[in-house]
Structure formats: C-alpha cells, structure tokens
C-alpha cells in the first residue's frame, strides 16, 4: 500500500463540524459532477454553507493533514476528557457515565478504563490529551479557532477592535467575549454565535484527530495498492502568492455620486497571482463597510457582487503569473455623506 500525505477532504470537515449534513454533501457532490465547480463554491451557491464559514474551514484544512499539526489547532475553555470524546461523537453520555461510575469504584484513570472497554485505543487517547493540553496554551501567533479570530472572520468586529479588547483583557482577566460586549463592539447574541461556530470547528478537528490517530503514521493517507509495502511519497506543497501591482488608495464621493446611488471606478486594482496548484486558486474579497452596501467587481470573466458576507472567485490554473485588472461599482448606502474614504476592499489568495 502506497501512502501519501494530503489535506483532509473538505466535505469530511464540514460534515464532522455539522456545518452541513451528509445529505447536503451528497447533493453538492452530485452537482459537482455535472458542473466541475469546486465543492465549497457549490455549497455556498446552493445556500447550504455560509461563505465566512467556508473561509475558516479552508484556512485550517492544511492543519489537518498530520496528527502533529491537528492537535495544535486547539482553542476554547479547557474541556474534560469525557466531554471532548462526546463532542467528537466517540462516546455517548451513557458510556461516559458507566466509565465514571467504574472510575469511582476502582480509582483508575478514565482513559485506562475507556481503553480496557475498547471505546478508544491508546494512540487516540494520547492525541486527545495533547489537544486538551493545547486548549490552555498561551502560545503566540495566529490561531484561527480563537473566539476573537472567529468574530473578526465573520465581520462582527474589526481587527483593531479585537486588538484593543485583548489589551483590556490583560488588565481585567475577563473572557474576551465579556470585554467586547462591555466595550460596545458587539452584542451577547453575536458572542454566542461566535462560540457556536468555534464549537463546530473544534468538533471537526476532534473528529480529524481521532481519524489521524488510527492511521499508521498519523497522516491522512490514501490506499493506492494492495501491496504489503508502505512507502511515503514526497509532494510539492500547493501555494499561491498575491502581488498588488497597483491599488487606488482611496475613494472620493461627491454629491453627484450620491444622487446616482453609486460610483464607478475603472482600472482601480491590478493584481498578479503566482500559483502552482493544478486546481487553480481562490481569490477572496472582504472588507465591505459603510458607506457602501454592495460592490460589483469586473475583470475576472464573471462579474462578482459583494455584500457584507464578502465573496470569492475560483480562477483556473495558469502557467506563470495570472494578472487581472479590476474595475468596481460601489453601491452607496442611503446615509452616505460626501468625502474621501479609504479603499474598502481587502483581497487574499489561497490554492484550491
């Protein structure tokens, strides 16, 4: 059997985290066979998946290729071993209660009892315990499953608001959600929504960890032969690099524009993408805010319309550099005032 490292399939992650149902995935895969469009885009078009949720899952998909990487993608309040296994759907509440009752009687560790009853194996136990330890890690760096990062990704708050709240949190020692609400940046309902998304992401990671722990080398693997030999083949990591050749820094809105309800800006952006993925790349646009309520972008073949949820375009593989020149129509909000505004659209890229 020949094994190679690869990304955990997007459909598996979305179903594990209950972003979509198994039937949703089946329907989307059927449509994909007919259209040859990327799965994520199909799910968004079908209204089965929120665009910002897709972005978050895609951003961490690469971390679910190996057990070593997957256990590091931890966040949230530290949970007990039994709670994590229930969340991963490895245990039922009844099975956990039986194990806890036995633990009181024998004094054994819970993990040892679960292994003895065949509910998990030692590799799975060790992997979950490493994840649990990392839940309380204070390591620096970008951690997409942290509540603050999720709230920014869903455009509930800005990056500046998060940084300000994190500074306040160091002094108050309160939860980040409490600090954000007290600062007036968002509501308790929005915090609850962020926590729900965080829980879904963690559930998907836990399922991936248990799956990876069951493989011989802790990597996602595909069987390519019935041979008894095992070989690990090297692969070139997919990457995409964005270079902004030109970008208009700001927009000036006049009373004439306000009366029309929109402003057109031609050739405002010139972007160059270097990409080695044969599947192409995903060009993502975010950042719409007042005084704009819609943005229409031309220059990529199909026109793209952005709302507050953002939007993306899947571009095919092009050997060498792919250069696009973009023109925009900004639809103005009813309360727009004349003035000069910073350029509102942020662009990022990642391989498909």
Foldseek 3Di string as FASTA:
>chain_A
DEWEFDFDDPVLLCCLLVLAHPVLQVVLVVVCVVPVDDSVVSCVVVVSHFPLLSVLCVVCRVQLFFLVSLLLLAEDDQDDPVVLCVLLVLDDPVRQVVLVVVCVVPVDDSVVSCCVVVSAHPLLSVSSVSSSVNHPDPDDDDRCLYLLNLCCSQVLAHPVLQVVLVVVCVVVVDDSLVSCVVVVSHHPVSSVVSVSSSSSNSSSSSNSNRVLSPDPRRGDIDDDDPDPDYDYDDDDDWWKDKDWPAADFKDFDDVVCLVVQKDKFFQRTKMKMDTDDQAAKKKWKAFDDPQFAKKWKDWQPDIDIDGNSTDIDGDGDDPDMDMTGMIMMTGGHNPDDGDMGTDGMDIDMTHD
